[in-house]
Every structure is written in C-alpha cells, then in structure tokens.
Amino acid sequence: MSRSRLIPVVPLLATTVLSGCIAAVGSENYNFAEAGFGTVRVGTSKALKKETVWVQSQGEAKAVAKRVHALTHKKTLTVEQAVQVALLNNKGLQAAYADIGASAAAAWQETLLVNPTVSIGVLGIASPEVGAFRAIEGMVANNVLRLMTRERRVAVADTRFEQAQLRAIEATLALAANTRRAWITAVSAFERVAYLKRALIAADAASELAKELGRTGAVGKAGQAREHVFYAELTGQTAQARLAAKLAKEELTRLMGLWGSEVTYYVPDALPAVPRRVKKKSAIESEALHRRVDLQIAKLELEALAKSHGLTDATRYLTDFEIIAGAELEREVETEIELENGQLEEKSKKKTSITPQIELEFNIPVFDSGEARLRKAETAYMRAANQLAEKAVNIRSEARAAYTNYRSTREIALHYKRNVLPLRTTISEEALLTYNGMITSTFELLADTRAKMNSLLLSVDAKREFWLADANISAAIYGGGASASPGGGGGGAMAEAGDSPH
C-alpha cells in the first residue's frame, strides 16, 4: 500500500486569505515611496527653517539641479543659502534618506506572513500495476510561531523605523551644522587674506625704504635685513592664508555637493559684525534634553531592545513551530477471485482513498534551553540603558559648554572691537601726526601700522570663533555633532618685526 500527502484546497485557501488579511494590517504606512520622510521634513524644518527633499526620480533630480544652479552659479552665497544648497544637493544626505526606505521595507516585511512551503513528490511513475503513478506525496507547511509572535516583531520593526527617521534628521542637522561652520571658516579665511594684503603693502614699502636708506648709509645692514625678512615672512604668511582660504572654500564646495560649472560661486569678503544682543539661554540644558535627536535615538534603542528581550523570552523554549496540512491519497490494486461459468477467475480492481492529515513539527529544548540567548538580550539592554544615561549627562555638559563658549567668544570679539582696535587707531593717528611734525621716524610709523594690522587679524580670528560658537549653540540643542574645541583666537597673526632702527 502506498500513501501520499496532497494539499487540501480549503486549508490552503484559508492560509492565503489569513496571510492577506494580516499583511494588510500596518503595511499601509510602509509601502509609499516616501514612507517616513514627512517626519524628517517636519523635524528638520523646525530646527533649520530649511527645505529638504528626497530625490527618487530623474525628474526630481533635474529639478533640484536646476534650482541649485540658480542659487550658486556666479552668485555670492550667504550662510543660509549655502546650508540650503547643501540640503538639496549633498549626495551623502540622499544616501541617509535611502536608509529610511530600507527600514520601511524591513518593517513592511515583518507585517507579512512567511510564504507556505509546498512540496510534492510522485512515486511509482509508469507502474504496470496502477498506471501513470503509484503514489503522490505532498504537503504545505506554515510557520505558526512567526504568526504567534507577529505583534512583537512588528513592534520592534516600528521602533527601528522610527530610529531610521531620527537618524535621517540627525544626518540633516549634522550636514547643516558642518556647512555653516565651513562657510564661516571660508569667509574668515578670505577676510584674513584681505588684511594680510594690506600689511604686505606696508611691509613692501618699509623694505624698499630700508633699501634706499641703506644706500645713503642712514640704515645699517641689520636694520635693512629686519625689514626685508619681515616682508619675506609676511609674503609667506599671505601665501599660506590664500591656500587656507582656497581649501576652506573647497570644503564648503564638497559639503554643498557642487562640481563642474557650479563651483563658480563666491563667498563674502568678511564675516558679519558681532551682534549687540546676546542670546538668552537660561534653560539650555532642559531644552537640549528635550530636543536632541541623538538622545531620542538612544531612547528608541532602549525601547527596541526591551521589545526584543520580550520576543526572546517568548521564544526561549520554542524556537520553531510549524503546522503541516495535507491529505493522504492511496491507490492500490485489489485482487478478487470470482466463480464464473464454473471456473475460478482472478479479477483486479483499482481503489483510491483520500484521508485528510495534519502534522505538527517543533524542536525539543533538550540541549539549548534559551538561557544564553536570554542573557545576551539582558546584557544588551543593560548596555543600552547605561549608554542612554551617559548620553544624557554628556548632552547637559555639551549644552553648558556651548553656551559658555558662545558668551565668552562674544566678549572676546567685542573686546577687540571696542577696546583694542580703537586704541590701535589712536596710536596710528598720533604717530602720523608726530611723523608729519618730524618727531616720529618713518620706521616707527611703519611699526605702529604693523601692530594695528596684527590687532585687526586677531580681531578677525576672534570674530570667527564667535560665529563658530554661535553655530554650535544650535548643534548643542538639536544635535548634529559638536565641532572641535575653540582655538582661542588664532595666536600670532603676523610675523613680528625686530626693533626698528633709530
């Protein structure tokens, strides 16, 4: 006797309908092309007041390229325009947005049942006794455990999907902050070059004057060498400043994703003046704790691990459970002896019978009781909890440090503007008056001019540090990465000349 398991039509249809109903639940939020991007658009708009786009077609790419060209080609970019161009055109940011789609697809996949596994086998082909085949063996198997744990798995996938959206917001904020810093650095570098050019003109004049006075014997070789070396050193510093300005602009170009003819843009020659009114951030710690995207991501990580721990606990002992539905089809030949016309004759009859059948398959936790997997989930949760607590402490410190840096750099920049530069201007004006009165020598006048130029360069550095600190305030509140520690004003702005000859 041969037996076979055939796929019953009713159980298969029931499984298919059930799969369709379950798959329909929750998938409506995942199967759109821009699933989750609305959250990113709203989140970044609150922090940046800028437009973000997720380019997913050739038409959208062309529209963005046209808009970027209009914003940049032979235009002088403000810092807000530079940030907007970066948000529209940076391909790394588009890659981060693609991660949202991947996470949405993964969450969508979790809402679907596993496809049934069907196997069919034919035995006894072309059997001389029963004809075309002797038996058919087949079955359809469904993973019942995945159905039982579906809600937990979907909950974990939903949390991961929320994380992907927040990570995209964080990437957007980081790009905006880095672009803002790059613009500030580039503009400050070109402002520094402009002041060094002025100093170079004065140094050139002093070098030529020392050369002419040397011919008359009024200035010795040491005096001439001092002026010549100052001019030579300042020439080298100016070249270095030009290189730094070009590289700073190139960094800004990379962040904005520009190439080809689009790199023909300009930046202003000087940074804006330090504002008179200071930002009041008395509750910057609580504001940062409420708004920081990376803290929200860490909270979701803890939540996802908690849900994963529950899923691990639910499947601790039973990790695989399948139900197999089918039927048995039996074809056999029965031989009967009958009396016919006074003689015994053998007659063969084919008989077919079908019997429904259900089987269960599951593993027996003899060797693996699930304790190792449960312990791993517990330690992962504890690690995430401690990382969340550490991040909260660090965010408080970063917020305080950012505001302290902002206030201090503002005071330093205003100190140069209100105290140092006016005094240097007074010294230069008085030196010019005494020079016209034949009281001050030419070299003393040039020395005062160089000292004023040095103070101007220090003032430019202080102003740059302030605007970088101002940009870091937003990064400390919303997220997006902190910049390097402040440089403290830039140090020696110009090569120091030796004592001027009398």
Protein backbone atom coordinates (compact mmCIF):
# COMPACT_ATOMS: atom_id res chain seq x y z
CA MET A 1 0.00 0.00 0.00
CA SER A 2 1.37 3.43 -0.95
CA ARG A 3 0.37 6.67 0.76
CA SER A 4 0.69 10.29 -0.30
CA ARG A 5 0.01 13.68 1.25
CA LEU A 6 -1.84 16.06 -1.03
CA ILE A 7 -2.52 19.75 -0.47
CA PRO A 8 -6.14 20.20 0.55
CA VAL A 9 -7.77 23.15 -1.20
CA VAL A 10 -9.70 24.52 1.78
CA PRO A 11 -6.74 24.75 4.22
CA LEU A 12 -4.57 26.36 1.51
CA LEU A 13 -7.22 28.97 0.70
CA ALA A 14 -7.71 29.69 4.39
CA THR A 15 -3.98 30.20 4.85
CA THR A 16 -3.79 32.50 1.83
CA VAL A 17 -6.73 34.64 2.99
CA LEU A 18 -5.30 34.86 6.53
CA SER A 19 -1.91 35.91 5.18
CA GLY A 20 -3.53 38.62 3.07
CA CYS A 21 -5.55 40.00 5.98
CA ILE A 22 -2.58 40.12 8.34
CA ALA A 23 -0.29 41.59 5.70
CA ALA A 24 -2.79 44.39 5.11
CA VAL A 25 -2.59 45.47 8.74
CA GLY A 26 0.09 48.16 9.27
CA SER A 27 1.65 47.89 5.81
CA GLU A 28 -0.21 50.95 4.53
CA ASN A 29 2.36 53.19 6.30
CA TYR A 30 5.36 51.44 4.79
CA ASN A 31 4.63 50.88 1.13
CA PHE A 32 4.78 54.50 -0.02
CA ALA A 33 7.87 55.75 -1.84
CA GLU A 34 8.45 58.50 0.76
CA ALA A 35 7.40 56.49 3.81
CA GLY A 36 8.69 58.24 6.92
CA PHE A 37 10.16 61.24 5.11
CA GLY A 38 7.34 63.51 6.24
CA THR A 39 8.65 63.15 9.79
CA VAL A 40 12.14 64.11 8.60
CA ARG A 41 10.83 67.11 6.70
CA VAL A 42 8.89 68.43 9.69
CA GLY A 43 11.68 67.72 12.20
CA THR A 44 14.38 69.47 10.18
CA SER A 45 12.12 72.37 9.30
CA LYS A 46 11.59 73.17 12.98
CA ALA A 47 15.32 73.25 13.69
CA LEU A 48 16.69 74.71 10.45
CA LYS A 49 13.81 76.54 8.75
CA LYS A 50 15.06 75.00 5.50
CA GLU A 51 13.60 72.76 2.82
CA THR A 52 14.69 69.15 2.45
CA VAL A 53 13.99 66.82 -0.47
CA TRP A 54 14.33 63.11 -1.08
CA VAL A 55 15.26 62.69 -4.72
CA GLN A 56 13.91 59.41 -6.11
CA SER A 57 13.44 60.05 -9.82
CA GLN A 58 15.23 61.60 -12.76
CA GLY A 59 12.67 64.38 -12.95
CA GLU A 60 13.20 65.31 -9.32
CA ALA A 61 16.99 65.23 -9.79
CA LYS A 62 16.77 67.60 -12.76
CA ALA A 63 14.52 69.99 -10.83
CA VAL A 64 16.94 70.05 -7.90
CA ALA A 65 19.94 70.57 -10.21
CA LYS A 66 18.18 73.49 -11.87
CA ARG A 67 17.40 75.07 -8.54
CA VAL A 68 20.96 74.59 -7.26
CA HIS A 69 22.34 76.18 -10.43
CA ALA A 70 20.12 79.21 -9.92
CA LEU A 71 21.28 79.56 -6.33
CA THR A 72 25.02 79.13 -6.87
CA HIS A 73 26.20 79.93 -10.40
CA LYS A 74 28.29 83.10 -10.18
CA LYS A 75 26.43 84.12 -7.02
CA THR A 76 27.74 85.27 -3.65
CA LEU A 77 26.29 82.88 -1.09
CA THR A 78 25.11 83.82 2.36
CA VAL A 79 25.42 81.20 5.08
CA GLU A 80 21.71 80.39 4.89
CA GLN A 81 21.91 79.92 1.12
CA ALA A 82 24.92 77.64 1.50
CA VAL A 83 23.05 75.48 4.01
CA GLN A 84 20.03 75.27 1.73
CA VAL A 85 22.15 74.21 -1.23
CA ALA A 86 23.81 71.50 0.86
CA LEU A 87 20.44 70.13 2.00
CA LEU A 88 19.26 69.99 -1.60
CA ASN A 89 22.39 68.72 -3.31
CA ASN A 90 24.52 66.64 -0.92
CA LYS A 91 24.50 63.02 -2.15
CA GLY A 92 25.59 61.62 1.21
CA LEU A 93 22.41 63.06 2.70
CA GLN A 94 20.38 61.37 -0.03
CA ALA A 95 22.04 58.09 0.92
CA ALA A 96 20.94 58.65 4.53
CA TYR A 97 17.39 59.23 3.32
CA ALA A 98 17.55 55.94 1.40
CA ASP A 99 18.08 54.20 4.75
CA ILE A 100 14.56 55.31 5.68
CA GLY A 101 13.20 53.41 2.69
CA ALA A 102 15.19 50.33 3.63
CA SER A 103 13.88 50.47 7.20
CA ALA A 104 10.31 50.95 5.95
CA ALA A 105 10.68 47.93 3.70
CA ALA A 106 12.03 45.88 6.62
CA ALA A 107 9.07 46.90 8.79
CA TRP A 108 6.68 46.14 5.94
CA GLN A 109 8.25 42.71 5.58
CA GLU A 110 7.60 41.95 9.24
CA THR A 111 3.87 42.54 8.75
CA LEU A 112 3.71 39.74 6.18
CA LEU A 113 3.37 36.07 6.93
CA VAL A 114 6.05 33.70 5.76
CA ASN A 115 5.04 32.08 2.49
CA PRO A 116 3.82 28.50 2.90
CA THR A 117 6.31 25.80 1.99
CA VAL A 118 4.89 23.34 -0.52
CA SER A 119 6.48 20.04 -1.51
CA ILE A 120 5.10 17.43 -3.89
CA GLY A 121 6.59 14.07 -4.78
CA VAL A 122 5.41 11.45 -7.27
CA LEU A 123 6.32 7.79 -6.66
CA GLY A 124 5.94 4.72 -8.81
CA ILE A 125 5.81 6.52 -12.15
CA ALA A 126 4.51 4.33 -15.01
CA SER A 127 3.77 1.49 -12.66
CA PRO A 128 2.47 -1.57 -14.60
CA GLU A 129 0.01 -2.28 -11.82
CA VAL A 130 -1.75 1.07 -11.25
CA GLY A 131 -0.90 3.08 -14.37
CA ALA A 132 0.70 6.55 -14.55
CA PHE A 133 1.79 6.72 -10.93
CA ARG A 134 1.55 4.72 -7.78
CA ALA A 135 1.54 7.49 -5.18
CA ILE A 136 1.77 11.25 -4.72
CA GLU A 137 3.42 12.74 -1.65
CA GLY A 138 3.00 16.41 -0.90
CA MET A 139 2.47 18.89 1.93
CA VAL A 140 2.10 22.58 2.79
CA ALA A 141 3.81 23.92 5.91
CA ASN A 142 3.21 27.20 7.76
CA ASN A 143 5.36 28.71 10.49
CA VAL A 144 2.88 29.14 13.31
CA LEU A 145 5.44 30.61 15.71
CA ARG A 146 6.00 33.63 13.47
CA LEU A 147 2.27 34.20 13.44
CA MET A 148 2.13 33.95 17.22
CA THR A 149 4.99 36.45 17.66
CA ARG A 150 3.98 38.76 14.84
CA GLU A 151 2.81 41.64 17.04
CA ARG A 152 6.10 41.66 18.94
CA ARG A 153 8.17 41.57 15.76
CA VAL A 154 6.14 44.36 14.17
CA ALA A 155 6.55 46.45 17.34
CA VAL A 156 10.33 46.06 17.15
CA ALA A 157 10.31 46.91 13.43
CA ASP A 158 8.19 50.01 14.10
CA THR A 159 10.70 51.21 16.67
CA ARG A 160 13.60 50.62 14.26
CA PHE A 161 11.68 52.54 11.61
CA GLU A 162 11.31 55.49 14.00
CA GLN A 163 15.04 55.28 14.67
CA ALA A 164 15.79 55.43 10.95
CA GLN A 165 13.74 58.60 10.65
CA LEU A 166 15.54 60.21 13.57
CA ARG A 167 18.92 59.18 12.17
CA ALA A 168 17.99 60.89 8.90
CA ILE A 169 17.07 64.02 10.86
CA GLU A 170 20.40 63.80 12.69
CA ALA A 171 22.28 63.47 9.38
CA THR A 172 20.45 66.53 8.06
CA LEU A 173 21.27 68.56 11.16
CA ALA A 174 24.91 67.45 11.00
CA LEU A 175 25.23 68.47 7.36
CA ALA A 176 23.65 71.86 8.07
CA ALA A 177 25.97 72.46 11.05
CA ASN A 178 29.09 71.41 9.13
CA THR A 179 28.12 73.57 6.16
CA ARG A 180 27.55 76.55 8.43
CA ARG A 181 30.96 76.07 10.05
CA ALA A 182 32.65 75.63 6.66
CA TRP A 183 31.08 78.87 5.39
CA ILE A 184 32.24 80.76 8.48
CA THR A 185 35.76 79.35 8.15
CA ALA A 186 35.94 80.17 4.43
CA VAL A 187 34.70 83.75 4.81
CA SER A 188 37.04 84.35 7.74
CA ALA A 189 39.94 82.98 5.71
CA PHE A 190 39.29 85.40 2.84
CA GLU A 191 38.87 88.28 5.30
CA ARG A 192 42.25 87.37 6.77
CA VAL A 193 43.81 87.33 3.29
CA ALA A 194 42.49 90.85 2.65
CA TYR A 195 44.09 92.21 5.82
CA LEU A 196 47.37 90.42 5.10
CA LYS A 197 47.47 92.01 1.65
CA ARG A 198 47.25 95.43 3.28
CA ALA A 199 50.01 94.51 5.69
CA LEU A 200 52.10 93.24 2.78
CA ILE A 201 51.83 96.60 1.04
CA ALA A 202 53.14 98.36 4.16
CA ALA A 203 55.90 95.79 4.58
CA ASP A 204 56.92 96.21 0.95
CA ALA A 205 57.13 99.96 1.40
CA ALA A 206 59.22 99.55 4.54
CA SER A 207 61.55 97.12 2.77
CA GLU A 208 62.05 99.49 -0.18
CA LEU A 209 62.61 102.43 2.16
CA ALA A 210 65.20 100.50 4.15
CA LYS A 211 66.93 99.61 0.89
CA GLU A 212 67.11 103.26 -0.23
CA LEU A 213 68.24 104.47 3.20
CA GLY A 214 70.86 101.78 3.23
CA ARG A 215 72.36 103.23 0.07
CA THR A 216 72.74 106.58 1.81
CA GLY A 217 74.22 104.96 4.91
CA ALA A 218 71.35 106.08 7.17
CA VAL A 219 70.39 102.45 7.95
CA GLY A 220 72.82 99.67 8.59
CA LYS A 221 72.69 96.18 7.14
CA ALA A 222 71.00 94.76 10.26
CA GLY A 223 68.20 97.32 10.00
CA GLN A 224 67.74 96.62 6.31
CA ALA A 225 67.69 92.87 6.99
CA ARG A 226 64.97 93.27 9.63
CA GLU A 227 62.61 94.98 7.17
CA HIS A 228 63.49 92.63 4.33
CA VAL A 229 62.91 89.50 6.43
CA PHE A 230 59.63 90.87 7.76
CA TYR A 231 58.43 91.42 4.19
CA ALA A 232 59.63 87.92 3.19
CA GLU A 233 57.95 86.25 6.15
CA LEU A 234 54.73 88.17 5.60
CA THR A 235 54.78 87.13 1.94
CA GLY A 236 54.95 83.52 3.03
CA GLN A 237 52.12 84.02 5.53
CA THR A 238 49.97 85.64 2.87
CA ALA A 239 50.54 82.71 0.54
CA GLN A 240 49.61 80.32 3.32
CA ALA A 241 46.49 82.35 4.06
CA ARG A 242 45.48 82.24 0.37
CA LEU A 243 45.94 78.47 0.36
CA ALA A 244 43.91 78.11 3.57
CA ALA A 245 41.13 80.22 2.06
CA LYS A 246 41.03 78.12 -1.11
CA LEU A 247 40.96 74.87 0.87
CA ALA A 248 38.26 76.20 3.19
CA LYS A 249 36.12 77.13 0.21
CA GLU A 250 36.77 73.69 -1.29
CA GLU A 251 35.49 72.08 1.92
CA LEU A 252 32.35 74.17 1.60
CA THR A 253 32.05 73.10 -2.03
CA ARG A 254 32.20 69.43 -1.07
CA LEU A 255 29.52 69.81 1.57
CA MET A 256 27.25 71.54 -0.93
CA GLY A 257 27.88 68.74 -3.43
CA LEU A 258 28.97 71.09 -6.22
CA TRP A 259 31.15 70.26 -9.20
CA GLY A 260 31.76 71.41 -12.76
CA SER A 261 30.46 74.87 -13.59
CA GLU A 262 28.61 75.05 -10.26
CA VAL A 263 31.86 75.74 -8.38
CA THR A 264 31.92 79.26 -9.81
CA TYR A 265 30.29 80.76 -6.74
CA TYR A 266 31.61 83.30 -4.26
CA VAL A 267 31.57 83.93 -0.54
CA PRO A 268 31.54 87.35 1.15
CA ASP A 269 34.80 89.12 1.92
CA ALA A 270 34.08 89.50 5.63
CA LEU A 271 32.01 87.94 8.41
CA PRO A 272 29.09 89.91 9.85
CA ALA A 273 29.72 92.07 12.87
CA VAL A 274 29.19 90.61 16.32
CA PRO A 275 25.56 91.28 17.33
CA ARG A 276 24.91 93.66 20.19
CA ARG A 277 22.26 91.47 21.81
CA VAL A 278 23.24 88.19 23.38
CA LYS A 279 21.10 85.05 23.11
CA LYS A 280 19.40 84.25 26.38
CA LYS A 281 19.60 80.51 27.05
CA SER A 282 18.95 80.15 30.77
CA ALA A 283 17.33 76.72 30.28
CA ILE A 284 19.64 75.38 27.60
CA GLU A 285 20.17 72.07 29.42
CA SER A 286 16.49 71.17 29.56
CA GLU A 287 15.99 72.44 26.01
CA ALA A 288 18.79 70.19 24.77
CA LEU A 289 17.44 67.18 26.67
CA HIS A 290 14.03 67.78 25.13
CA ARG A 291 15.18 68.39 21.55
CA ARG A 292 18.42 66.43 20.99
CA VAL A 293 17.83 63.90 18.24
CA ASP A 294 20.66 61.58 19.30
CA LEU A 295 19.10 61.27 22.76
CA GLN A 296 15.78 60.32 21.19
CA ILE A 297 17.57 57.71 19.09
CA ALA A 298 19.18 56.27 22.24
CA LYS A 299 15.77 56.12 23.94
CA LEU A 300 14.32 54.26 20.97
CA GLU A 301 17.29 51.88 21.03
CA LEU A 302 16.48 51.06 24.64
CA GLU A 303 12.82 50.60 23.75
CA ALA A 304 13.64 48.35 20.81
CA LEU A 305 15.93 46.20 22.94
CA ALA A 306 13.23 45.91 25.59
CA LYS A 307 10.79 44.68 22.96
CA SER A 308 13.41 42.35 21.51
CA HIS A 309 14.05 41.00 25.00
CA GLY A 310 10.35 40.21 25.32
CA LEU A 311 10.43 38.46 21.96
CA THR A 312 13.48 36.45 23.01
CA ASP A 313 11.76 35.49 26.26
CA ALA A 314 8.62 34.44 24.40
CA THR A 315 10.64 32.14 22.11
CA ARG A 316 13.06 30.96 24.78
CA TYR A 317 11.99 27.31 24.73
CA LEU A 318 10.11 27.06 21.44
CA THR A 319 12.11 28.49 18.54
CA ASP A 320 10.42 26.66 15.67
CA PHE A 321 6.82 25.52 15.40
CA GLU A 322 5.22 24.54 12.08
CA ILE A 323 1.84 23.14 11.15
CA ILE A 324 1.67 20.89 8.10
CA ALA A 325 -1.68 20.32 6.42
CA GLY A 326 -2.39 17.78 3.70
CA ALA A 327 -4.21 14.63 2.74
CA GLU A 328 -3.33 11.04 2.06
CA LEU A 329 -4.13 9.68 -1.35
CA GLU A 330 -3.84 5.91 -1.73
CA ARG A 331 -4.06 3.99 -4.98
CA GLU A 332 -3.90 0.22 -4.81
CA VAL A 333 -4.90 -2.82 -6.81
CA GLU A 334 -7.14 -5.36 -5.13
CA THR A 335 -7.34 -8.92 -6.48
CA GLU A 336 -10.58 -10.88 -6.10
CA ILE A 337 -11.36 -14.48 -7.06
CA GLU A 338 -14.78 -15.00 -8.57
CA LEU A 339 -16.62 -18.04 -9.85
CA GLU A 340 -17.66 -17.52 -13.41
CA ASN A 341 -19.03 -20.22 -15.75
CA GLY A 342 -17.97 -22.84 -13.25
CA GLN A 343 -14.37 -21.61 -13.22
CA LEU A 344 -12.40 -19.55 -10.72
CA GLU A 345 -11.02 -16.35 -12.20
CA GLU A 346 -8.90 -13.58 -10.73
CA LYS A 347 -10.09 -10.00 -11.26
CA SER A 348 -8.12 -6.85 -10.35
CA LYS A 349 -9.77 -3.60 -9.21
CA LYS A 350 -8.12 -0.19 -8.65
CA LYS A 351 -9.12 1.50 -5.41
CA THR A 352 -8.38 5.12 -4.39
CA SER A 353 -8.88 6.61 -0.92
CA ILE A 354 -8.18 10.12 0.43
CA THR A 355 -7.67 10.85 4.12
CA PRO A 356 -7.06 14.41 5.48
CA GLN A 357 -3.95 14.82 7.63
CA ILE A 358 -2.44 17.45 9.96
CA GLU A 359 1.09 17.31 11.38
CA LEU A 360 2.93 19.47 13.91
CA GLU A 361 6.67 19.99 13.90
CA PHE A 362 8.61 21.67 16.71
CA ASN A 363 12.00 21.47 18.35
CA ILE A 364 12.58 19.96 21.78
CA PRO A 365 14.76 22.17 24.05
CA VAL A 366 16.95 19.34 25.30
CA PHE A 367 20.38 20.95 24.87
CA ASP A 368 19.57 24.63 24.29
CA SER A 369 17.14 25.95 26.89
CA GLY A 370 17.42 29.53 25.61
CA GLU A 371 19.30 30.83 28.67
CA ALA A 372 22.27 32.05 26.59
CA ARG A 373 20.05 33.98 24.20
CA LEU A 374 18.11 35.46 27.11
CA ARG A 375 21.31 36.50 28.87
CA LYS A 376 22.60 38.13 25.69
CA ALA A 377 19.38 40.13 25.35
CA GLU A 378 19.56 41.21 29.00
CA THR A 379 23.16 42.44 28.75
CA ALA A 380 22.37 44.30 25.53
CA TYR A 381 19.52 46.07 27.32
CA MET A 382 21.72 46.98 30.30
CA ARG A 383 24.41 48.32 27.99
CA ALA A 384 21.89 50.50 26.15
CA ALA A 385 20.46 51.78 29.45
CA ASN A 386 23.90 52.88 30.65
CA GLN A 387 24.71 54.44 27.28
CA LEU A 388 21.45 56.41 27.45
CA ALA A 389 22.28 57.67 30.94
CA GLU A 390 25.79 58.64 29.83
CA LYS A 391 24.44 60.48 26.79
CA ALA A 392 22.03 62.47 28.95
CA VAL A 393 24.91 63.58 31.18
CA ASN A 394 27.09 64.44 28.17
CA ILE A 395 24.31 66.41 26.50
CA ARG A 396 23.89 68.56 29.60
CA SER A 397 27.63 69.24 29.64
CA GLU A 398 27.77 69.96 25.90
CA ALA A 399 24.90 72.42 26.19
CA ARG A 400 26.54 74.26 29.09
CA ALA A 401 29.92 74.29 27.31
CA ALA A 402 28.40 75.55 24.06
CA TYR A 403 26.66 78.45 25.80
CA THR A 404 29.73 79.29 27.89
CA ASN A 405 31.84 79.30 24.71
CA TYR A 406 29.26 81.49 22.98
CA ARG A 407 29.21 84.08 25.76
CA SER A 408 32.99 84.09 26.18
CA THR A 409 33.90 84.34 22.49
CA ARG A 410 31.35 87.13 22.12
CA GLU A 411 33.01 89.09 24.93
CA ILE A 412 36.44 88.48 23.43
CA ALA A 413 35.35 89.61 19.97
CA LEU A 414 33.69 92.73 21.41
CA HIS A 415 36.81 93.42 23.47
CA TYR A 416 38.89 93.65 20.30
CA LYS A 417 36.24 95.74 18.61
CA ARG A 418 35.61 98.18 21.48
CA ASN A 419 38.98 98.35 23.20
CA VAL A 420 41.94 97.04 21.22
CA LEU A 421 41.16 98.38 17.73
CA PRO A 422 40.17 101.92 18.88
CA LEU A 423 43.42 102.17 20.85
CA ARG A 424 45.43 100.96 17.86
CA THR A 425 43.65 103.52 15.67
CA THR A 426 44.51 106.28 18.15
CA ILE A 427 48.15 105.20 18.22
CA SER A 428 48.31 105.20 14.41
CA GLU A 429 46.69 108.63 14.14
CA GLU A 430 49.01 110.14 16.76
CA ALA A 431 52.02 108.50 15.13
CA LEU A 432 51.03 110.04 11.82
CA LEU A 433 50.74 113.49 13.42
CA THR A 434 54.15 113.22 15.09
CA TYR A 435 55.62 111.90 11.86
CA ASN A 436 54.32 114.95 9.99
CA GLY A 437 55.86 117.05 12.75
CA MET A 438 59.20 115.30 12.22
CA ILE A 439 59.03 113.81 15.74
CA THR A 440 58.41 110.15 14.85
CA SER A 441 60.66 108.35 12.38
CA THR A 442 59.37 106.51 9.32
CA PHE A 443 60.17 103.11 10.76
CA GLU A 444 58.32 103.87 13.98
CA LEU A 445 55.27 104.82 11.91
CA LEU A 446 55.50 101.58 9.95
CA ALA A 447 55.90 99.59 13.17
CA ASP A 448 52.70 101.14 14.53
CA THR A 449 50.93 100.30 11.29
CA ARG A 450 52.09 96.68 11.51
CA ALA A 451 50.93 96.46 15.13
CA LYS A 452 47.49 97.74 14.17
CA MET A 453 47.29 95.21 11.35
CA ASN A 454 48.20 92.44 13.77
CA SER A 455 45.37 93.52 16.07
CA LEU A 456 42.99 93.53 13.12
CA LEU A 457 43.92 89.94 12.30
CA LEU A 458 43.41 88.89 15.92
CA SER A 459 40.04 90.61 15.79
CA VAL A 460 39.12 88.62 12.66
CA ASP A 461 40.08 85.39 14.44
CA ALA A 462 38.03 86.34 17.49
CA LYS A 463 35.03 87.15 15.33
CA ARG A 464 35.36 83.77 13.57
CA GLU A 465 35.47 81.94 16.90
CA PHE A 466 32.30 83.74 17.98
CA TRP A 467 30.34 82.78 14.87
CA LEU A 468 31.53 79.18 15.17
CA ALA A 469 30.35 79.18 18.78
CA ASP A 470 27.04 80.64 17.65
CA ALA A 471 26.64 77.80 15.14
CA ASN A 472 27.48 75.26 17.84
CA ILE A 473 24.61 76.53 20.02
CA SER A 474 22.11 75.07 17.57
CA ALA A 475 24.07 71.81 17.31
CA ALA A 476 24.13 71.52 21.11
CA ILE A 477 20.35 71.97 21.33
CA TYR A 478 19.12 69.95 18.34
CA GLY A 479 22.05 67.64 17.58
CA GLY A 480 24.24 67.26 14.55
CA GLY A 481 27.67 66.88 16.06
CA ALA A 482 29.93 69.18 18.02
CA SER A 483 32.88 70.92 16.45
CA ALA A 484 36.42 70.85 17.71
CA SER A 485 37.28 72.78 20.82
CA PRO A 486 37.70 76.51 20.29
CA GLY A 487 41.05 77.70 19.14
CA GLY A 488 41.18 80.78 21.26
CA GLY A 489 41.66 83.42 18.60
CA GLY A 490 44.37 82.23 16.30
CA GLY A 491 47.61 83.19 18.03
CA GLY A 492 50.31 85.13 16.23
CA ALA A 493 48.57 86.88 13.41
CA MET A 494 51.60 88.34 11.68
CA ALA A 495 55.34 87.84 11.69
CA GLU A 496 56.85 90.03 14.35
CA ALA A 497 59.43 92.52 13.16
CA GLY A 498 62.57 93.19 15.09
CA ASP A 499 63.36 96.54 16.68
CA SER A 500 63.10 99.33 14.14
CA PRO A 501 66.28 101.25 13.56
CA HIS A 502 66.55 104.73 15.06
